[in-house]
Amino acid sequence: MLENQSFIEPSLFGVSIQSNSIYCGIHLTKVTLPEQCAFLGILRAGQIIPLESNPEIYSGDYILAIALNPMMVPALKVTLKKIHSVYYSLSNCLLEARPRYISNYSHDFN
């Protein structure tokens, strides 16, 4: 038996980044993780990019993380799977037309 039974085995976790992820286009070290969680790096095109490289996150990346306590895995999962609430991409945002609509709407009442 193990001498130290208070040891809790950490849990490895990975998540695939979708095109509507809130993390697309930002650097890995800018992402705030839950307590007792840490990044290990990114898996991209079959290559592991370590955290020390501070890679920018792209759609299709697979983020590798660890939770020191397995009870933190659900919080880690929720954090890393955050997406924009509407269709969104860095090159095409459907919300661009909205300000013009608002200005035309307010113009009708003047």
PDB file of N, CA and C in Angstrom:
ATOM      1  N   MET A   1       0.827  -1.191   0.000  1.00  0.00           N
ATOM      2  CA  MET A   1       0.000   0.000   0.000  1.00  0.00           C
ATOM      3  C   MET A   1       0.866   1.247   0.000  1.00  0.00           C
ATOM      4  N   LEU A   2       0.254   2.313  -0.394  1.00  0.00           N
ATOM      5  CA  LEU A   2       0.964   3.585  -0.398  1.00  0.00           C
ATOM      6  C   LEU A   2       1.108   4.116   1.021  1.00  0.00           C
ATOM      7  N   GLU A   3       2.259   4.692   1.293  1.00  0.00           N
ATOM      8  CA  GLU A   3       2.493   5.291   2.608  1.00  0.00           C
ATOM      9  C   GLU A   3       1.637   6.544   2.801  1.00  0.00           C
ATOM     10  N   ASN A   4       1.556   7.363   1.757  1.00  0.00           N
ATOM     11  CA  ASN A   4       0.833   8.631   1.844  1.00  0.00           C
ATOM     12  C   ASN A   4      -0.505   8.486   1.124  1.00  0.00           C
ATOM     13  N   GLN A   5      -1.553   8.147   1.846  1.00  0.00           N
ATOM     14  CA  GLN A   5      -2.848   7.936   1.227  1.00  0.00           C
ATOM     15  C   GLN A   5      -3.609   9.234   1.004  1.00  0.00           C
ATOM     16  N   SER A   6      -3.054  10.360   1.437  1.00  0.00           N
ATOM     17  CA  SER A   6      -3.722  11.635   1.211  1.00  0.00           C
ATOM     18  C   SER A   6      -3.420  12.183  -0.188  1.00  0.00           C
ATOM     19  N   PHE A   7      -2.536  11.525  -0.927  1.00  0.00           N
ATOM     20  CA  PHE A   7      -2.203  11.963  -2.277  1.00  0.00           C
ATOM     21  C   PHE A   7      -3.398  11.757  -3.200  1.00  0.00           C
ATOM     22  N   ILE A   8      -3.747  12.802  -3.926  1.00  0.00           N
ATOM     23  CA  ILE A   8      -4.829  12.723  -4.902  1.00  0.00           C
ATOM     24  C   ILE A   8      -4.195  12.826  -6.282  1.00  0.00           C
ATOM     25  N   GLU A   9      -4.467  11.848  -7.121  1.00  0.00           N
ATOM     26  CA  GLU A   9      -3.880  11.828  -8.458  1.00  0.00           C
ATOM     27  C   GLU A   9      -4.464  12.954  -9.308  1.00  0.00           C
ATOM     28  N   PRO A  10      -3.616  13.762  -9.943  1.00  0.00           N
ATOM     29  CA  PRO A  10      -4.114  14.846 -10.795  1.00  0.00           C
ATOM     30  C   PRO A  10      -4.810  14.287 -12.038  1.00  0.00           C
ATOM     31  N   SER A  11      -5.653  15.106 -12.641  1.00  0.00           N
ATOM     32  CA  SER A  11      -6.388  14.702 -13.842  1.00  0.00           C
ATOM     33  C   SER A  11      -5.936  15.527 -15.033  1.00  0.00           C
ATOM     34  N   LEU A  12      -5.565  14.832 -16.098  1.00  0.00           N
ATOM     35  CA  LEU A  12      -5.225  15.512 -17.343  1.00  0.00           C
ATOM     36  C   LEU A  12      -6.511  15.791 -18.101  1.00  0.00           C
ATOM     37  N   PHE A  13      -6.553  16.915 -18.790  1.00  0.00           N
ATOM     38  CA  PHE A  13      -7.755  17.308 -19.512  1.00  0.00           C
ATOM     39  C   PHE A  13      -7.344  17.974 -20.812  1.00  0.00           C
ATOM     40  N   GLY A  14      -8.110  17.725 -21.855  1.00  0.00           N
ATOM     41  CA  GLY A  14      -7.865  18.376 -23.134  1.00  0.00           C
ATOM     42  C   GLY A  14      -9.171  18.802 -23.762  1.00  0.00           C
ATOM     43  N   VAL A  15      -9.129  19.873 -24.525  1.00  0.00           N
ATOM     44  CA  VAL A  15     -10.324  20.363 -25.195  1.00  0.00           C
ATOM     45  C   VAL A  15      -9.946  20.886 -26.576  1.00  0.00           C
ATOM     46  N   SER A  16     -10.780  20.559 -27.549  1.00  0.00           N
ATOM     47  CA  SER A  16     -10.591  21.051 -28.910  1.00  0.00           C
ATOM     48  C   SER A  16     -11.212  22.442 -29.013  1.00  0.00           C
ATOM     49  N   ILE A  17     -10.476  23.376 -29.576  1.00  0.00           N
ATOM     50  CA  ILE A  17     -10.954  24.754 -29.689  1.00  0.00           C
ATOM     51  C   ILE A  17     -11.790  24.916 -30.957  1.00  0.00           C
ATOM     52  N   GLN A  18     -13.023  25.358 -30.777  1.00  0.00           N
ATOM     53  CA  GLN A  18     -13.946  25.578 -31.887  1.00  0.00           C
ATOM     54  C   GLN A  18     -13.743  26.976 -32.475  1.00  0.00           C
ATOM     55  N   SER A  19     -14.274  27.207 -33.666  1.00  0.00           N
ATOM     56  CA  SER A  19     -14.091  28.504 -34.329  1.00  0.00           C
ATOM     57  C   SER A  19     -14.787  29.641 -33.594  1.00  0.00           C
ATOM     58  N   ASN A  20     -15.787  29.337 -32.762  1.00  0.00           N
ATOM     59  CA  ASN A  20     -16.481  30.384 -32.010  1.00  0.00           C
ATOM     60  C   ASN A  20     -16.031  30.447 -30.546  1.00  0.00           C
ATOM     61  N   SER A  21     -14.871  29.869 -30.241  1.00  0.00           N
ATOM     62  CA  SER A  21     -14.324  29.920 -28.884  1.00  0.00           C
ATOM     63  C   SER A  21     -13.939  31.354 -28.529  1.00  0.00           C
ATOM     64  N   ILE A  22     -14.138  31.724 -27.271  1.00  0.00           N
ATOM     65  CA  ILE A  22     -13.747  33.071 -26.843  1.00  0.00           C
ATOM     66  C   ILE A  22     -12.235  33.215 -26.778  1.00  0.00           C
ATOM     67  N   TYR A  23     -11.510  32.109 -26.878  1.00  0.00           N
ATOM     68  CA  TYR A  23     -10.055  32.150 -26.751  1.00  0.00           C
ATOM     69  C   TYR A  23      -9.320  32.252 -28.086  1.00  0.00           C
ATOM     70  N   CYS A  24     -10.015  32.126 -29.206  1.00  0.00           N
ATOM     71  CA  CYS A  24      -9.355  32.230 -30.512  1.00  0.00           C
ATOM     72  C   CYS A  24      -8.679  33.593 -30.642  1.00  0.00           C
ATOM     73  N   GLY A  25      -7.405  33.560 -31.003  1.00  0.00           N
ATOM     74  CA  GLY A  25      -6.671  34.797 -31.244  1.00  0.00           C
ATOM     75  C   GLY A  25      -5.961  35.372 -30.038  1.00  0.00           C
ATOM     76  N   ILE A  26      -6.067  34.743 -28.878  1.00  0.00           N
ATOM     77  CA  ILE A  26      -5.354  35.272 -27.710  1.00  0.00           C
ATOM     78  C   ILE A  26      -4.264  34.282 -27.290  1.00  0.00           C
ATOM     79  N   HIS A  27      -3.318  34.766 -26.529  1.00  0.00           N
ATOM     80  CA  HIS A  27      -2.205  33.930 -26.090  1.00  0.00           C
ATOM     81  C   HIS A  27      -2.616  33.077 -24.890  1.00  0.00           C
ATOM     82  N   LEU A  28      -2.056  31.894 -24.838  1.00  0.00           N
ATOM     83  CA  LEU A  28      -2.411  30.910 -23.814  1.00  0.00           C
ATOM     84  C   LEU A  28      -2.251  31.453 -22.395  1.00  0.00           C
ATOM     85  N   THR A  29      -1.196  32.225 -22.149  1.00  0.00           N
ATOM     86  CA  THR A  29      -0.960  32.722 -20.788  1.00  0.00           C
ATOM     87  C   THR A  29      -1.949  33.813 -20.376  1.00  0.00           C
ATOM     88  N   LYS A  30      -2.750  34.320 -21.290  1.00  0.00           N
ATOM     89  CA  LYS A  30      -3.762  35.336 -20.962  1.00  0.00           C
ATOM     90  C   LYS A  30      -5.063  34.713 -20.452  1.00  0.00           C
ATOM     91  N   VAL A  31      -5.191  33.401 -20.569  1.00  0.00           N
ATOM     92  CA  VAL A  31      -6.403  32.703 -20.133  1.00  0.00           C
ATOM     93  C   VAL A  31      -6.302  32.416 -18.634  1.00  0.00           C
ATOM     94  N   THR A  32      -7.331  32.801 -17.898  1.00  0.00           N
ATOM     95  CA  THR A  32      -7.378  32.555 -16.457  1.00  0.00           C
ATOM     96  C   THR A  32      -8.067  31.219 -16.198  1.00  0.00           C
ATOM     97  N   LEU A  33      -7.364  30.350 -15.513  1.00  0.00           N
ATOM     98  CA  LEU A  33      -7.902  29.027 -15.194  1.00  0.00           C
ATOM     99  C   LEU A  33      -8.404  28.982 -13.755  1.00  0.00           C
ATOM    100  N   PRO A  34      -9.279  28.011 -13.459  1.00  0.00           N
ATOM    101  CA  PRO A  34      -9.733  27.842 -12.074  1.00  0.00           C
ATOM    102  C   PRO A  34      -8.563  27.487 -11.156  1.00  0.00           C
ATOM    103  N   GLU A  35      -8.799  27.647  -9.878  1.00  0.00           N
ATOM    104  CA  GLU A  35      -7.815  27.302  -8.855  1.00  0.00           C
ATOM    105  C   GLU A  35      -7.378  25.841  -9.010  1.00  0.00           C
ATOM    106  N   GLN A  36      -6.128  25.565  -8.756  1.00  0.00           N
ATOM    107  CA  GLN A  36      -5.535  24.232  -8.810  1.00  0.00           C
ATOM    108  C   GLN A  36      -5.509  23.633 -10.216  1.00  0.00           C
ATOM    109  N   CYS A  37      -5.529  24.497 -11.249  1.00  0.00           N
ATOM    110  CA  CYS A  37      -5.458  24.041 -12.634  1.00  0.00           C
ATOM    111  C   CYS A  37      -4.331  24.779 -13.341  1.00  0.00           C
ATOM    112  N   ALA A  38      -3.743  24.130 -14.338  1.00  0.00           N
ATOM    113  CA  ALA A  38      -2.642  24.746 -15.077  1.00  0.00           C
ATOM    114  C   ALA A  38      -2.618  24.221 -16.507  1.00  0.00           C
ATOM    115  N   PHE A  39      -2.100  25.050 -17.407  1.00  0.00           N
ATOM    116  CA  PHE A  39      -1.907  24.628 -18.791  1.00  0.00           C
ATOM    117  C   PHE A  39      -0.626  23.828 -18.913  1.00  0.00           C
ATOM    118  N   LEU A  40      -0.629  22.884 -19.835  1.00  0.00           N
ATOM    119  CA  LEU A  40       0.583  22.156 -20.189  1.00  0.00           C
ATOM    120  C   LEU A  40       1.082  22.616 -21.556  1.00  0.00           C
ATOM    121  N   GLY A  41       0.146  22.988 -22.432  1.00  0.00           N
ATOM    122  CA  GLY A  41       0.518  23.448 -23.767  1.00  0.00           C
ATOM    123  C   GLY A  41      -0.618  23.253 -24.743  1.00  0.00           C
ATOM    124  N   ILE A  42      -0.268  23.272 -26.026  1.00  0.00           N
ATOM    125  CA  ILE A  42      -1.237  23.118 -27.111  1.00  0.00           C
ATOM    126  C   ILE A  42      -0.742  22.026 -28.052  1.00  0.00           C
ATOM    127  N   LEU A  43      -1.666  21.203 -28.515  1.00  0.00           N
ATOM    128  CA  LEU A  43      -1.374  20.232 -29.560  1.00  0.00           C
ATOM    129  C   LEU A  43      -1.911  20.820 -30.859  1.00  0.00           C
ATOM    130  N   ARG A  44      -1.024  21.071 -31.817  1.00  0.00           N
ATOM    131  CA  ARG A  44      -1.417  21.684 -33.095  1.00  0.00           C
ATOM    132  C   ARG A  44      -0.702  20.951 -34.228  1.00  0.00           C
ATOM    133  N   ALA A  45      -1.483  20.417 -35.143  1.00  0.00           N
ATOM    134  CA  ALA A  45      -0.943  19.728 -36.322  1.00  0.00           C
ATOM    135  C   ALA A  45       0.073  18.655 -35.927  1.00  0.00           C
ATOM    136  N   GLY A  46      -0.240  17.907 -34.876  1.00  0.00           N
ATOM    137  CA  GLY A  46       0.625  16.823 -34.449  1.00  0.00           C
ATOM    138  C   GLY A  46       1.865  17.244 -33.682  1.00  0.00           C
ATOM    139  N   GLN A  47       1.987  18.534 -33.384  1.00  0.00           N
ATOM    140  CA  GLN A  47       3.140  19.048 -32.645  1.00  0.00           C
ATOM    141  C   GLN A  47       2.676  19.593 -31.297  1.00  0.00           C
ATOM    142  N   ILE A  48       3.444  19.326 -30.253  1.00  0.00           N
ATOM    143  CA  ILE A  48       3.136  19.882 -28.935  1.00  0.00           C
ATOM    144  C   ILE A  48       3.870  21.204 -28.790  1.00  0.00           C
ATOM    145  N   ILE A  49       3.117  22.257 -28.501  1.00  0.00           N
ATOM    146  CA  ILE A  49       3.689  23.582 -28.264  1.00  0.00           C
ATOM    147  C   ILE A  49       3.598  23.829 -26.762  1.00  0.00           C
ATOM    148  N   PRO A  50       4.734  23.909 -26.062  1.00  0.00           N
ATOM    149  CA  PRO A  50       4.699  24.055 -24.601  1.00  0.00           C
ATOM    150  C   PRO A  50       4.206  25.432 -24.162  1.00  0.00           C
ATOM    151  N   LEU A  51       3.738  25.499 -22.940  1.00  0.00           N
ATOM    152  CA  LEU A  51       3.244  26.745 -22.352  1.00  0.00           C
ATOM    153  C   LEU A  51       4.294  27.845 -22.413  1.00  0.00           C
ATOM    154  N   GLU A  52       5.563  27.486 -22.228  1.00  0.00           N
ATOM    155  CA  GLU A  52       6.641  28.476 -22.204  1.00  0.00           C
ATOM    156  C   GLU A  52       6.738  29.262 -23.509  1.00  0.00           C
ATOM    157  N   SER A  53       6.252  28.693 -24.613  1.00  0.00           N
ATOM    158  CA  SER A  53       6.267  29.393 -25.907  1.00  0.00           C
ATOM    159  C   SER A  53       5.167  30.445 -25.992  1.00  0.00           C
ATOM    160  N   ASN A  54       4.227  30.432 -25.047  1.00  0.00           N
ATOM    161  CA  ASN A  54       3.083  31.340 -25.010  1.00  0.00           C
ATOM    162  C   ASN A  54       2.398  31.429 -26.377  1.00  0.00           C
ATOM    163  N   PRO A  55       1.945  30.290 -26.909  1.00  0.00           N
ATOM    164  CA  PRO A  55       1.348  30.302 -28.244  1.00  0.00           C
ATOM    165  C   PRO A  55      -0.003  31.009 -28.282  1.00  0.00           C
ATOM    166  N   GLU A  56      -0.323  31.549 -29.450  1.00  0.00           N
ATOM    167  CA  GLU A  56      -1.642  32.114 -29.694  1.00  0.00           C
ATOM    168  C   GLU A  56      -2.586  30.942 -29.973  1.00  0.00           C
ATOM    169  N   ILE A  57      -3.806  31.042 -29.500  1.00  0.00           N
ATOM    170  CA  ILE A  57      -4.776  29.959 -29.637  1.00  0.00           C
ATOM    171  C   ILE A  57      -5.528  30.119 -30.952  1.00  0.00           C
ATOM    172  N   TYR A  58      -5.619  29.024 -31.706  1.00  0.00           N
ATOM    173  CA  TYR A  58      -6.322  29.014 -32.988  1.00  0.00           C
ATOM    174  C   TYR A  58      -7.420  27.958 -32.975  1.00  0.00           C
ATOM    175  N   SER A  59      -8.407  28.159 -33.830  1.00  0.00           N
ATOM    176  CA  SER A  59      -9.443  27.159 -34.019  1.00  0.00           C
ATOM    177  C   SER A  59      -8.779  25.862 -34.483  1.00  0.00           C
ATOM    178  N   GLY A  60      -9.200  24.756 -33.913  1.00  0.00           N
ATOM    179  CA  GLY A  60      -8.616  23.467 -34.260  1.00  0.00           C
ATOM    180  C   GLY A  60      -7.512  23.028 -33.317  1.00  0.00           C
ATOM    181  N   ASP A  61      -7.006  23.953 -32.495  1.00  0.00           N
ATOM    182  CA  ASP A  61      -5.996  23.587 -31.498  1.00  0.00           C
ATOM    183  C   ASP A  61      -6.622  22.668 -30.455  1.00  0.00           C
ATOM    184  N   TYR A  62      -5.790  21.862 -29.839  1.00  0.00           N
ATOM    185  CA  TYR A  62      -6.213  21.012 -28.734  1.00  0.00           C
ATOM    186  C   TYR A  62      -5.433  21.471 -27.515  1.00  0.00           C
ATOM    187  N   ILE A  63      -6.124  22.105 -26.566  1.00  0.00           N
ATOM    188  CA  ILE A  63      -5.459  22.644 -25.381  1.00  0.00           C
ATOM    189  C   ILE A  63      -5.300  21.536 -24.345  1.00  0.00           C
ATOM    190  N   LEU A  64      -4.091  21.418 -23.823  1.00  0.00           N
ATOM    191  CA  LEU A  64      -3.770  20.419 -22.812  1.00  0.00           C
ATOM    192  C   LEU A  64      -3.644  21.101 -21.455  1.00  0.00           C
ATOM    193  N   ALA A  65      -4.352  20.586 -20.457  1.00  0.00           N
ATOM    194  CA  ALA A  65      -4.330  21.188 -19.118  1.00  0.00           C
ATOM    195  C   ALA A  65      -4.347  20.080 -18.069  1.00  0.00           C
ATOM    196  N   ILE A  66      -4.094  20.482 -16.843  1.00  0.00           N
ATOM    197  CA  ILE A  66      -4.092  19.541 -15.725  1.00  0.00           C
ATOM    198  C   ILE A  66      -4.848  20.163 -14.553  1.00  0.00           C
ATOM    199  N   ALA A  67      -5.624  19.335 -13.872  1.00  0.00           N
ATOM    200  CA  ALA A  67      -6.295  19.739 -12.634  1.00  0.00           C
ATOM    201  C   ALA A  67      -5.627  18.960 -11.511  1.00  0.00           C
ATOM    202  N   LEU A  68      -5.052  19.673 -10.556  1.00  0.00           N
ATOM    203  CA  LEU A  68      -4.358  18.999  -9.459  1.00  0.00           C
ATOM    204  C   LEU A  68      -5.312  18.189  -8.598  1.00  0.00           C
ATOM    205  N   ASN A  69      -6.570  18.603  -8.569  1.00  0.00           N
ATOM    206  CA  ASN A  69      -7.604  17.876  -7.847  1.00  0.00           C
ATOM    207  C   ASN A  69      -8.678  17.495  -8.864  1.00  0.00           C
ATOM    208  N   PRO A  70      -9.028  16.221  -8.989  1.00  0.00           N
ATOM    209  CA  PRO A  70     -10.027  15.796  -9.969  1.00  0.00           C
ATOM    210  C   PRO A  70     -11.372  16.511  -9.831  1.00  0.00           C
ATOM    211  N   MET A  71     -11.667  17.029  -8.647  1.00  0.00           N
ATOM    212  CA  MET A  71     -12.930  17.748  -8.457  1.00  0.00           C
ATOM    213  C   MET A  71     -12.954  19.077  -9.211  1.00  0.00           C
ATOM    214  N   MET A  72     -11.799  19.534  -9.687  1.00  0.00           N
ATOM    215  CA  MET A  72     -11.736  20.795 -10.429  1.00  0.00           C
ATOM    216  C   MET A  72     -11.937  20.596 -11.931  1.00  0.00           C
ATOM    217  N   VAL A  73     -12.011  19.358 -12.399  1.00  0.00           N
ATOM    218  CA  VAL A  73     -12.169  19.088 -13.831  1.00  0.00           C
ATOM    219  C   VAL A  73     -13.442  19.718 -14.405  1.00  0.00           C
ATOM    220  N   PRO A  74     -14.612  19.633 -13.745  1.00  0.00           N
ATOM    221  CA  PRO A  74     -15.795  20.292 -14.312  1.00  0.00           C
ATOM    222  C   PRO A  74     -15.610  21.804 -14.492  1.00  0.00           C
ATOM    223  N   ALA A  75     -14.991  22.462 -13.523  1.00  0.00           N
ATOM    224  CA  ALA A  75     -14.744  23.905 -13.641  1.00  0.00           C
ATOM    225  C   ALA A  75     -13.768  24.188 -14.775  1.00  0.00           C
ATOM    226  N   LEU A  76     -12.763  23.350 -14.925  1.00  0.00           N
ATOM    227  CA  LEU A  76     -11.794  23.502 -16.009  1.00  0.00           C
ATOM    228  C   LEU A  76     -12.474  23.313 -17.358  1.00  0.00           C
ATOM    229  N   LYS A  77     -13.341  22.323 -17.445  1.00  0.00           N
ATOM    230  CA  LYS A  77     -14.076  22.049 -18.685  1.00  0.00           C
ATOM    231  C   LYS A  77     -14.960  23.232 -19.073  1.00  0.00           C
ATOM    232  N   VAL A  78     -15.707  23.766 -18.122  1.00  0.00           N
ATOM    233  CA  VAL A  78     -16.574  24.918 -18.391  1.00  0.00           C
ATOM    234  C   VAL A  78     -15.743  26.114 -18.856  1.00  0.00           C
ATOM    235  N   THR A  79     -14.621  26.346 -18.198  1.00  0.00           N
ATOM    236  CA  THR A  79     -13.763  27.479 -18.540  1.00  0.00           C
ATOM    237  C   THR A  79     -13.234  27.361 -19.963  1.00  0.00           C
ATOM    238  N   LEU A  80     -12.712  26.209 -20.324  1.00  0.00           N
ATOM    239  CA  LEU A  80     -12.053  26.059 -21.623  1.00  0.00           C
ATOM    240  C   LEU A  80     -13.018  25.890 -22.786  1.00  0.00           C
ATOM    241  N   LYS A  81     -14.272  25.581 -22.509  1.00  0.00           N
ATOM    242  CA  LYS A  81     -15.242  25.401 -23.593  1.00  0.00           C
ATOM    243  C   LYS A  81     -16.116  26.634 -23.817  1.00  0.00           C
ATOM    244  N   LYS A  82     -15.731  27.769 -23.263  1.00  0.00           N
ATOM    245  CA  LYS A  82     -16.527  28.988 -23.435  1.00  0.00           C
ATOM    246  C   LYS A  82     -16.524  29.412 -24.898  1.00  0.00           C
ATOM    247  N   ILE A  83     -17.715  29.763 -25.374  1.00  0.00           N
ATOM    248  CA  ILE A  83     -17.865  30.203 -26.759  1.00  0.00           C
ATOM    249  C   ILE A  83     -18.629  31.518 -26.796  1.00  0.00           C
ATOM    250  N   HIS A  84     -18.540  32.196 -27.932  1.00  0.00           N
ATOM    251  CA  HIS A  84     -19.347  33.398 -28.132  1.00  0.00           C
ATOM    252  C   HIS A  84     -20.804  32.970 -28.236  1.00  0.00           C
ATOM    253  N   SER A  85     -21.708  33.781 -27.722  1.00  0.00           N
ATOM    254  CA  SER A  85     -23.117  33.399 -27.666  1.00  0.00           C
ATOM    255  C   SER A  85     -23.824  33.489 -29.012  1.00  0.00           C
ATOM    256  N   VAL A  86     -23.215  34.148 -29.992  1.00  0.00           N
ATOM    257  CA  VAL A  86     -23.766  34.215 -31.343  1.00  0.00           C
ATOM    258  C   VAL A  86     -22.688  33.757 -32.302  1.00  0.00           C
ATOM    259  N   TYR A  87     -23.087  33.514 -33.565  1.00  0.00           N
ATOM    260  CA  TYR A  87     -22.082  33.140 -34.562  1.00  0.00           C
ATOM    261  C   TYR A  87     -21.028  34.224 -34.611  1.00  0.00           C
ATOM    262  N   TYR A  88     -19.774  33.846 -34.590  1.00  0.00           N
ATOM    263  CA  TYR A  88     -18.697  34.820 -34.524  1.00  0.00           C
ATOM    264  C   TYR A  88     -17.459  34.250 -35.189  1.00  0.00           C
ATOM    265  N   SER A  89     -16.787  35.066 -35.940  1.00  0.00           N
ATOM    266  CA  SER A  89     -15.447  34.721 -36.410  1.00  0.00           C
ATOM    267  C   SER A  89     -14.663  36.013 -36.471  1.00  0.00           C
ATOM    268  N   LEU A  90     -13.352  35.912 -36.398  1.00  0.00           N
ATOM    269  CA  LEU A  90     -12.527  37.116 -36.399  1.00  0.00           C
ATOM    270  C   LEU A  90     -12.629  37.872 -37.712  1.00  0.00           C
ATOM    271  N   SER A  91     -12.960  37.183 -38.812  1.00  0.00           N
ATOM    272  CA  SER A  91     -13.020  37.851 -40.107  1.00  0.00           C
ATOM    273  C   SER A  91     -14.433  38.256 -40.509  1.00  0.00           C
ATOM    274  N   ASN A  92     -15.448  37.731 -39.837  1.00  0.00           N
ATOM    275  CA  ASN A  92     -16.815  38.010 -40.251  1.00  0.00           C
ATOM    276  C   ASN A  92     -17.724  38.016 -39.026  1.00  0.00           C
ATOM    277  N   CYS A  93     -18.141  39.187 -38.605  1.00  0.00           N
ATOM    278  CA  CYS A  93     -19.012  39.292 -37.441  1.00  0.00           C
ATOM    279  C   CYS A  93     -20.378  39.780 -37.891  1.00  0.00           C
ATOM    280  N   LEU A  94     -21.408  39.030 -37.589  1.00  0.00           N
ATOM    281  CA  LEU A  94     -22.757  39.394 -38.009  1.00  0.00           C
ATOM    282  C   LEU A  94     -23.300  40.607 -37.269  1.00  0.00           C
ATOM    283  N   LEU A  95     -22.656  41.032 -36.215  1.00  0.00           N
ATOM    284  CA  LEU A  95     -23.134  42.178 -35.453  1.00  0.00           C
ATOM    285  C   LEU A  95     -22.701  43.509 -36.062  1.00  0.00           C
ATOM    286  N   GLU A  96     -21.867  43.495 -37.114  1.00  0.00           N
ATOM    287  CA  GLU A  96     -21.376  44.733 -37.707  1.00  0.00           C
ATOM    288  C   GLU A  96     -22.505  45.607 -38.252  1.00  0.00           C
ATOM    289  N   ALA A  97     -23.585  45.007 -38.714  1.00  0.00           N
ATOM    290  CA  ALA A  97     -24.672  45.776 -39.306  1.00  0.00           C
ATOM    291  C   ALA A  97     -25.545  46.454 -38.255  1.00  0.00           C
ATOM    292  N   ARG A  98     -25.459  46.052 -37.030  1.00  0.00           N
ATOM    293  CA  ARG A  98     -26.351  46.565 -35.995  1.00  0.00           C
ATOM    294  C   ARG A  98     -26.225  48.069 -35.751  1.00  0.00           C
ATOM    295  N   PRO A  99     -25.039  48.665 -35.638  1.00  0.00           N
ATOM    296  CA  PRO A  99     -24.974  50.104 -35.386  1.00  0.00           C
ATOM    297  C   PRO A  99     -25.676  50.936 -36.461  1.00  0.00           C
ATOM    298  N   ARG A 100     -25.602  50.521 -37.719  1.00  0.00           N
ATOM    299  CA  ARG A 100     -26.265  51.251 -38.797  1.00  0.00           C
ATOM    300  C   ARG A 100     -27.779  51.193 -38.594  1.00  0.00           C
ATOM    301  N   TYR A 101     -28.307  50.043 -38.180  1.00  0.00           N
ATOM    302  CA  TYR A 101     -29.731  49.892 -37.932  1.00  0.00           C
ATOM    303  C   TYR A 101     -30.168  50.827 -36.806  1.00  0.00           C
ATOM    304  N   ILE A 102     -29.400  50.904 -35.754  1.00  0.00           N
ATOM    305  CA  ILE A 102     -29.740  51.764 -34.620  1.00  0.00           C
ATOM    306  C   ILE A 102     -29.718  53.225 -35.038  1.00  0.00           C
ATOM    307  N   SER A 103     -28.732  53.632 -35.837  1.00  0.00           N
ATOM    308  CA  SER A 103     -28.670  55.033 -36.250  1.00  0.00           C
ATOM    309  C   SER A 103     -29.839  55.376 -37.168  1.00  0.00           C
ATOM    310  N   ASN A 104     -30.263  54.457 -38.045  1.00  0.00           N
ATOM    311  CA  ASN A 104     -31.424  54.707 -38.895  1.00  0.00           C
ATOM    312  C   ASN A 104     -32.697  54.757 -38.062  1.00  0.00           C
ATOM    313  N   TYR A 105     -32.775  53.914 -37.054  1.00  0.00           N
ATOM    314  CA  TYR A 105     -33.941  53.861 -36.190  1.00  0.00           C
ATOM    315  C   TYR A 105     -34.092  55.170 -35.417  1.00  0.00           C
ATOM    316  N   SER A 106     -33.004  55.678 -34.857  1.00  0.00           N
ATOM    317  CA  SER A 106     -33.079  56.917 -34.094  1.00  0.00           C
ATOM    318  C   SER A 106     -33.323  58.109 -35.013  1.00  0.00           C
ATOM    319  N   HIS A 107     -32.894  58.022 -36.272  1.00  0.00           N
ATOM    320  CA  HIS A 107     -33.098  59.101 -37.237  1.00  0.00           C
ATOM    321  C   HIS A 107     -34.587  59.278 -37.554  1.00  0.00           C
ATOM    322  N   ASP A 108     -35.360  58.177 -37.537  1.00  0.00           N
ATOM    323  CA  ASP A 108     -36.789  58.238 -37.833  1.00  0.00           C
ATOM    324  C   ASP A 108     -37.565  59.056 -36.803  1.00  0.00           C
ATOM    325  N   PHE A 109     -37.036  59.194 -35.600  1.00  0.00           N
ATOM    326  CA  PHE A 109     -37.746  59.902 -34.548  1.00  0.00           C
ATOM    327  C   PHE A 109     -37.303  61.345 -34.399  1.00  0.00           C
ATOM    328  N   ASN A 110     -36.366  61.813 -35.188  1.00  0.00           N
ATOM    329  CA  ASN A 110     -35.900  63.209 -35.098  1.00  0.00           C
ATOM    330  C   ASN A 110     -36.647  64.111 -36.040  1.00  0.00           C
TER     331      ASN A 110
END
